[in-house]
């Protein structure tokens, strides 16, 4: 950024006398030094929308449903693995064509939550 400002100042003061060239360079350097603070102030004063779009609510609901489904699937798998160890009857694990439904649900929920 400083190279651009100095180049602009050099172009602006071409053909001027030495005192004017010094004045242009001084003004350019002062403006360059004030630039970070001015940019911070401009960014801080910029108002951003406080509310999201209508579809953010829908996506949030889908993410929560996916999270709950993933947690339920993981708990069901842990229960199916641990209950027989303690003498309780084993839980039935529903299956789909590719394998246990709870594993597919847990993987799908992990993908949904990972997008968050």
N, C-alpha and C. Protein backbone atom coordinates (compact mmCIF):
# COMPACT_ATOMS: atom_id res chain seq x y z
N UNK A 1 0.83 -1.18 0.00
CA UNK A 1 0.00 0.00 0.00
C UNK A 1 0.88 1.25 0.00
N UNK A 2 1.98 1.20 0.76
CA UNK A 2 2.84 2.38 0.84
C UNK A 2 3.50 2.67 -0.50
N UNK A 3 3.80 1.62 -1.25
CA UNK A 3 4.39 1.83 -2.58
C UNK A 3 3.41 2.55 -3.50
N UNK A 4 2.14 2.17 -3.42
CA UNK A 4 1.13 2.81 -4.25
C UNK A 4 0.96 4.28 -3.88
N UNK A 5 0.94 4.58 -2.59
CA UNK A 5 0.78 5.97 -2.15
C UNK A 5 1.98 6.80 -2.56
N UNK A 6 3.16 6.25 -2.39
CA UNK A 6 4.37 6.99 -2.78
C UNK A 6 4.44 7.20 -4.28
N UNK A 7 4.03 6.17 -5.03
CA UNK A 7 4.01 6.31 -6.49
C UNK A 7 3.01 7.39 -6.92
N UNK A 8 1.85 7.41 -6.27
CA UNK A 8 0.85 8.43 -6.57
C UNK A 8 1.38 9.82 -6.23
N UNK A 9 2.06 9.93 -5.08
CA UNK A 9 2.62 11.23 -4.68
C UNK A 9 3.70 11.68 -5.66
N UNK A 10 4.52 10.76 -6.13
CA UNK A 10 5.55 11.10 -7.12
C UNK A 10 4.92 11.58 -8.42
N UNK A 11 3.84 10.91 -8.84
CA UNK A 11 3.15 11.35 -10.06
C UNK A 11 2.49 12.71 -9.86
N UNK A 12 1.94 12.93 -8.67
CA UNK A 12 1.24 14.19 -8.40
C UNK A 12 2.20 15.37 -8.30
N UNK A 13 3.40 15.14 -7.78
CA UNK A 13 4.30 16.28 -7.61
C UNK A 13 5.30 16.44 -8.75
N UNK A 14 5.09 15.72 -9.83
CA UNK A 14 6.00 15.85 -10.98
C UNK A 14 5.86 17.26 -11.56
N UNK A 15 6.98 17.93 -11.75
CA UNK A 15 6.99 19.26 -12.33
C UNK A 15 6.82 20.38 -11.33
N UNK A 16 6.64 20.06 -10.05
CA UNK A 16 6.50 21.10 -9.03
C UNK A 16 7.87 21.44 -8.46
N UNK A 17 7.92 22.54 -7.79
CA UNK A 17 9.18 22.95 -7.15
C UNK A 17 9.47 22.08 -5.93
N UNK A 18 10.69 22.16 -5.44
CA UNK A 18 11.14 21.32 -4.32
C UNK A 18 10.28 21.49 -3.07
N UNK A 19 9.89 22.73 -2.68
CA UNK A 19 9.05 22.86 -1.48
C UNK A 19 7.69 22.18 -1.65
N UNK A 20 7.13 22.29 -2.85
CA UNK A 20 5.83 21.66 -3.11
C UNK A 20 5.96 20.14 -3.13
N UNK A 21 7.03 19.62 -3.68
CA UNK A 21 7.25 18.17 -3.69
C UNK A 21 7.36 17.65 -2.25
N UNK A 22 8.08 18.37 -1.41
CA UNK A 22 8.20 17.96 0.00
C UNK A 22 6.85 18.01 0.69
N UNK A 23 6.04 19.02 0.38
CA UNK A 23 4.71 19.13 0.99
C UNK A 23 3.81 17.98 0.56
N UNK A 24 3.86 17.61 -0.72
CA UNK A 24 3.03 16.50 -1.23
C UNK A 24 3.46 15.20 -0.58
N UNK A 25 4.79 14.97 -0.49
CA UNK A 25 5.28 13.73 0.14
C UNK A 25 4.91 13.68 1.62
N UNK A 26 5.00 14.78 2.31
CA UNK A 26 4.63 14.83 3.72
C UNK A 26 3.15 14.53 3.91
N UNK A 27 2.32 15.13 3.05
CA UNK A 27 0.87 14.88 3.13
C UNK A 27 0.57 13.41 2.83
N UNK A 28 1.27 12.83 1.85
CA UNK A 28 1.04 11.43 1.51
C UNK A 28 1.46 10.52 2.66
N UNK A 29 2.58 10.81 3.30
CA UNK A 29 3.03 9.98 4.42
C UNK A 29 2.10 10.11 5.62
N UNK A 30 1.59 11.30 5.88
CA UNK A 30 0.63 11.48 6.97
C UNK A 30 -0.65 10.71 6.71
N UNK A 31 -1.10 10.78 5.45
CA UNK A 31 -2.32 10.03 5.09
C UNK A 31 -2.08 8.53 5.21
N UNK A 32 -0.89 8.09 4.83
CA UNK A 32 -0.55 6.66 4.92
C UNK A 32 -0.49 6.22 6.38
N UNK A 33 0.04 7.04 7.26
CA UNK A 33 0.09 6.70 8.67
C UNK A 33 -1.28 6.67 9.32
N UNK A 34 -2.19 7.51 8.84
CA UNK A 34 -3.55 7.57 9.39
C UNK A 34 -4.47 6.51 8.80
N UNK A 35 -4.05 5.85 7.74
CA UNK A 35 -4.91 4.90 7.03
C UNK A 35 -5.39 3.73 7.89
N UNK A 36 -4.54 3.03 8.66
CA UNK A 36 -5.05 1.92 9.46
C UNK A 36 -6.14 2.33 10.45
N UNK A 37 -5.94 3.43 11.14
CA UNK A 37 -6.96 3.90 12.08
C UNK A 37 -8.25 4.29 11.39
N UNK A 38 -8.12 4.93 10.24
CA UNK A 38 -9.30 5.34 9.48
C UNK A 38 -10.07 4.11 8.98
N UNK A 39 -9.35 3.11 8.52
CA UNK A 39 -10.01 1.88 8.07
C UNK A 39 -10.70 1.17 9.24
N UNK A 40 -10.04 1.10 10.39
CA UNK A 40 -10.67 0.50 11.57
C UNK A 40 -11.95 1.22 11.93
N UNK A 41 -11.92 2.52 11.91
CA UNK A 41 -13.10 3.31 12.24
C UNK A 41 -14.22 3.08 11.23
N UNK A 42 -13.86 3.03 9.94
CA UNK A 42 -14.88 2.79 8.91
C UNK A 42 -15.51 1.41 9.05
N UNK A 43 -14.69 0.42 9.38
CA UNK A 43 -15.23 -0.93 9.55
C UNK A 43 -16.11 -1.00 10.79
N UNK A 44 -15.69 -0.35 11.87
CA UNK A 44 -16.47 -0.37 13.12
C UNK A 44 -17.81 0.32 12.95
N UNK A 45 -17.89 1.34 12.11
CA UNK A 45 -19.14 2.08 11.92
C UNK A 45 -20.08 1.43 10.91
N UNK A 46 -19.60 0.42 10.20
CA UNK A 46 -20.43 -0.25 9.20
C UNK A 46 -21.47 -1.10 9.91
N UNK A 47 -22.74 -0.88 9.58
CA UNK A 47 -23.79 -1.67 10.22
C UNK A 47 -24.00 -2.95 9.42
N UNK A 48 -24.06 -4.03 10.15
CA UNK A 48 -24.31 -5.33 9.54
C UNK A 48 -25.72 -5.77 9.89
N UNK A 49 -26.35 -6.55 9.01
CA UNK A 49 -27.71 -7.00 9.34
C UNK A 49 -27.69 -7.90 10.56
N UNK A 50 -28.59 -7.64 11.49
CA UNK A 50 -28.64 -8.41 12.73
C UNK A 50 -29.34 -9.74 12.55
N UNK A 51 -30.24 -9.81 11.60
CA UNK A 51 -30.99 -11.05 11.37
C UNK A 51 -30.50 -11.72 10.11
N UNK A 52 -30.56 -13.03 10.12
CA UNK A 52 -30.19 -13.80 8.95
C UNK A 52 -31.38 -13.96 8.02
N UNK A 53 -31.17 -14.65 6.98
CA UNK A 53 -32.24 -14.92 6.02
C UNK A 53 -33.22 -15.94 6.60
N UNK A 54 -34.36 -16.08 5.98
CA UNK A 54 -35.39 -17.00 6.45
C UNK A 54 -34.92 -18.44 6.40
N UNK A 55 -34.04 -18.77 5.47
CA UNK A 55 -33.62 -20.17 5.31
C UNK A 55 -32.60 -20.58 6.36
N UNK A 56 -32.01 -19.61 7.10
CA UNK A 56 -31.09 -19.97 8.17
C UNK A 56 -31.80 -20.75 9.27
N UNK A 57 -33.05 -20.40 9.52
CA UNK A 57 -33.83 -21.11 10.53
C UNK A 57 -34.05 -22.55 10.09
N UNK A 58 -34.39 -22.74 8.83
CA UNK A 58 -34.61 -24.09 8.30
C UNK A 58 -33.34 -24.93 8.37
N UNK A 59 -32.22 -24.36 7.98
CA UNK A 59 -30.95 -25.09 8.04
C UNK A 59 -30.59 -25.39 9.48
N UNK A 60 -30.84 -24.47 10.39
CA UNK A 60 -30.56 -24.72 11.81
C UNK A 60 -31.40 -25.86 12.36
N UNK A 61 -32.67 -25.92 11.98
CA UNK A 61 -33.54 -27.01 12.42
C UNK A 61 -33.04 -28.34 11.87
N UNK A 62 -32.66 -28.35 10.60
CA UNK A 62 -32.13 -29.58 10.00
C UNK A 62 -30.86 -30.03 10.71
N UNK A 63 -30.01 -29.10 11.06
CA UNK A 63 -28.78 -29.46 11.77
C UNK A 63 -29.08 -30.02 13.17
N UNK A 64 -30.04 -29.43 13.87
CA UNK A 64 -30.39 -29.95 15.19
C UNK A 64 -31.00 -31.34 15.09
N UNK A 65 -31.87 -31.55 14.10
CA UNK A 65 -32.48 -32.87 13.92
C UNK A 65 -31.39 -33.89 13.58
N UNK A 66 -30.45 -33.50 12.73
CA UNK A 66 -29.34 -34.40 12.40
C UNK A 66 -28.48 -34.69 13.60
N UNK A 67 -28.25 -33.70 14.45
CA UNK A 67 -27.45 -33.91 15.66
C UNK A 67 -28.14 -34.87 16.61
N UNK A 68 -29.43 -34.68 16.82
CA UNK A 68 -30.19 -35.56 17.71
C UNK A 68 -30.24 -36.97 17.15
N UNK A 69 -30.44 -37.10 15.83
CA UNK A 69 -30.47 -38.43 15.22
C UNK A 69 -29.12 -39.12 15.34
N UNK A 70 -28.05 -38.37 15.17
CA UNK A 70 -26.72 -38.95 15.31
C UNK A 70 -26.44 -39.40 16.73
N UNK A 71 -26.85 -38.59 17.71
CA UNK A 71 -26.66 -38.95 19.10
C UNK A 71 -27.49 -40.20 19.45
N UNK A 72 -28.73 -40.24 18.95
CA UNK A 72 -29.57 -41.42 19.20
C UNK A 72 -28.96 -42.66 18.56
N UNK A 73 -28.44 -42.53 17.35
CA UNK A 73 -27.81 -43.68 16.70
C UNK A 73 -26.57 -44.15 17.44
N UNK A 74 -25.76 -43.21 17.89
CA UNK A 74 -24.55 -43.58 18.62
C UNK A 74 -24.90 -44.25 19.95
N UNK A 75 -25.89 -43.70 20.68
CA UNK A 75 -26.30 -44.32 21.93
C UNK A 75 -26.89 -45.71 21.70
N UNK A 76 -27.64 -45.88 20.64
CA UNK A 76 -28.22 -47.18 20.33
C UNK A 76 -27.12 -48.20 20.04
N UNK A 77 -26.10 -47.80 19.30
CA UNK A 77 -24.99 -48.71 19.02
C UNK A 77 -24.21 -49.06 20.28
N UNK A 78 -23.99 -48.07 21.15
CA UNK A 78 -23.30 -48.34 22.41
C UNK A 78 -24.15 -49.26 23.29
N UNK A 79 -25.43 -48.99 23.32
CA UNK A 79 -26.33 -49.86 24.09
C UNK A 79 -26.37 -51.27 23.54
N UNK A 80 -26.41 -51.42 22.24
CA UNK A 80 -26.43 -52.75 21.63
C UNK A 80 -25.14 -53.50 21.93
N UNK A 81 -24.05 -52.79 22.08
CA UNK A 81 -22.78 -53.44 22.36
C UNK A 81 -22.61 -53.74 23.85
N UNK A 82 -23.09 -52.86 24.72
CA UNK A 82 -22.83 -53.01 26.15
C UNK A 82 -23.91 -53.75 26.92
N UNK A 83 -25.16 -53.70 26.53
CA UNK A 83 -26.24 -54.32 27.30
C UNK A 83 -26.03 -55.82 27.48
N UNK A 84 -25.65 -56.59 26.45
CA UNK A 84 -25.43 -58.02 26.68
C UNK A 84 -24.31 -58.30 27.68
N UNK A 85 -23.36 -57.39 27.80
CA UNK A 85 -22.26 -57.55 28.76
C UNK A 85 -22.78 -57.55 30.19
N UNK A 86 -23.83 -56.79 30.45
CA UNK A 86 -24.40 -56.68 31.79
C UNK A 86 -25.58 -57.63 32.00
N UNK A 87 -25.81 -58.54 31.07
CA UNK A 87 -26.87 -59.53 31.22
C UNK A 87 -28.22 -59.10 30.71
N UNK A 88 -28.33 -57.96 30.08
CA UNK A 88 -29.60 -57.52 29.51
C UNK A 88 -29.74 -58.06 28.10
N UNK A 89 -30.98 -58.14 27.60
CA UNK A 89 -31.14 -58.61 26.22
C UNK A 89 -30.56 -57.61 25.22
N UNK A 90 -30.08 -58.12 24.12
CA UNK A 90 -29.47 -57.28 23.09
C UNK A 90 -30.53 -56.45 22.37
N UNK A 91 -30.15 -55.26 22.00
CA UNK A 91 -31.05 -54.39 21.24
C UNK A 91 -31.05 -54.82 19.78
N UNK A 92 -32.20 -54.71 19.17
CA UNK A 92 -32.27 -54.98 17.74
C UNK A 92 -31.69 -53.80 16.98
N UNK A 93 -30.90 -54.10 15.98
CA UNK A 93 -30.31 -53.04 15.16
C UNK A 93 -30.98 -53.10 13.79
N UNK A 94 -31.79 -52.08 13.47
CA UNK A 94 -32.44 -52.07 12.16
C UNK A 94 -31.39 -51.97 11.05
N UNK A 95 -31.66 -52.61 9.95
CA UNK A 95 -30.70 -52.60 8.84
C UNK A 95 -31.35 -52.04 7.59
N UNK A 96 -30.51 -51.51 6.75
CA UNK A 96 -30.89 -51.12 5.41
C UNK A 96 -30.04 -51.97 4.47
N UNK A 97 -30.13 -51.76 3.20
CA UNK A 97 -29.42 -52.61 2.26
C UNK A 97 -27.91 -52.65 2.48
N UNK A 98 -27.33 -51.53 2.89
CA UNK A 98 -25.87 -51.47 3.00
C UNK A 98 -25.36 -51.84 4.37
N UNK A 99 -26.18 -51.90 5.39
CA UNK A 99 -25.71 -52.24 6.72
C UNK A 99 -26.63 -51.68 7.78
N UNK A 100 -26.16 -51.65 9.01
CA UNK A 100 -27.00 -51.16 10.11
C UNK A 100 -27.43 -49.71 9.90
N UNK A 101 -28.69 -49.46 10.19
CA UNK A 101 -29.27 -48.14 10.00
C UNK A 101 -28.63 -47.12 10.94
N UNK A 102 -28.33 -47.53 12.16
CA UNK A 102 -27.77 -46.58 13.13
C UNK A 102 -26.39 -46.09 12.72
N UNK A 103 -25.60 -46.93 12.10
CA UNK A 103 -24.29 -46.48 11.63
C UNK A 103 -24.46 -45.46 10.51
N UNK A 104 -25.38 -45.73 9.62
CA UNK A 104 -25.64 -44.77 8.53
C UNK A 104 -26.16 -43.46 9.10
N UNK A 105 -27.04 -43.55 10.09
CA UNK A 105 -27.58 -42.35 10.71
C UNK A 105 -26.49 -41.58 11.44
N UNK A 106 -25.60 -42.28 12.13
CA UNK A 106 -24.52 -41.62 12.86
C UNK A 106 -23.55 -40.93 11.91
N UNK A 107 -23.24 -41.59 10.79
CA UNK A 107 -22.35 -40.98 9.79
C UNK A 107 -23.01 -39.77 9.15
N UNK A 108 -24.28 -39.88 8.81
CA UNK A 108 -25.00 -38.76 8.20
C UNK A 108 -25.08 -37.58 9.17
N UNK A 109 -25.32 -37.87 10.45
CA UNK A 109 -25.39 -36.79 11.44
C UNK A 109 -24.03 -36.14 11.63
N UNK A 110 -22.98 -36.94 11.61
CA UNK A 110 -21.63 -36.36 11.75
C UNK A 110 -21.33 -35.43 10.59
N UNK A 111 -21.78 -35.80 9.41
CA UNK A 111 -21.56 -34.93 8.24
C UNK A 111 -22.38 -33.65 8.36
N UNK A 112 -23.60 -33.74 8.84
CA UNK A 112 -24.44 -32.56 9.00
C UNK A 112 -23.85 -31.62 10.05
N UNK A 113 -23.40 -32.18 11.16
CA UNK A 113 -22.85 -31.36 12.23
C UNK A 113 -21.51 -30.77 11.82
N UNK A 114 -20.74 -31.51 11.02
CA UNK A 114 -19.45 -31.00 10.58
C UNK A 114 -19.60 -29.78 9.69
N UNK A 115 -20.69 -29.62 9.01
CA UNK A 115 -20.94 -28.46 8.14
C UNK A 115 -21.23 -27.22 8.98
N UNK A 116 -21.49 -27.38 10.23
CA UNK A 116 -21.82 -26.27 11.13
C UNK A 116 -20.60 -25.49 11.37
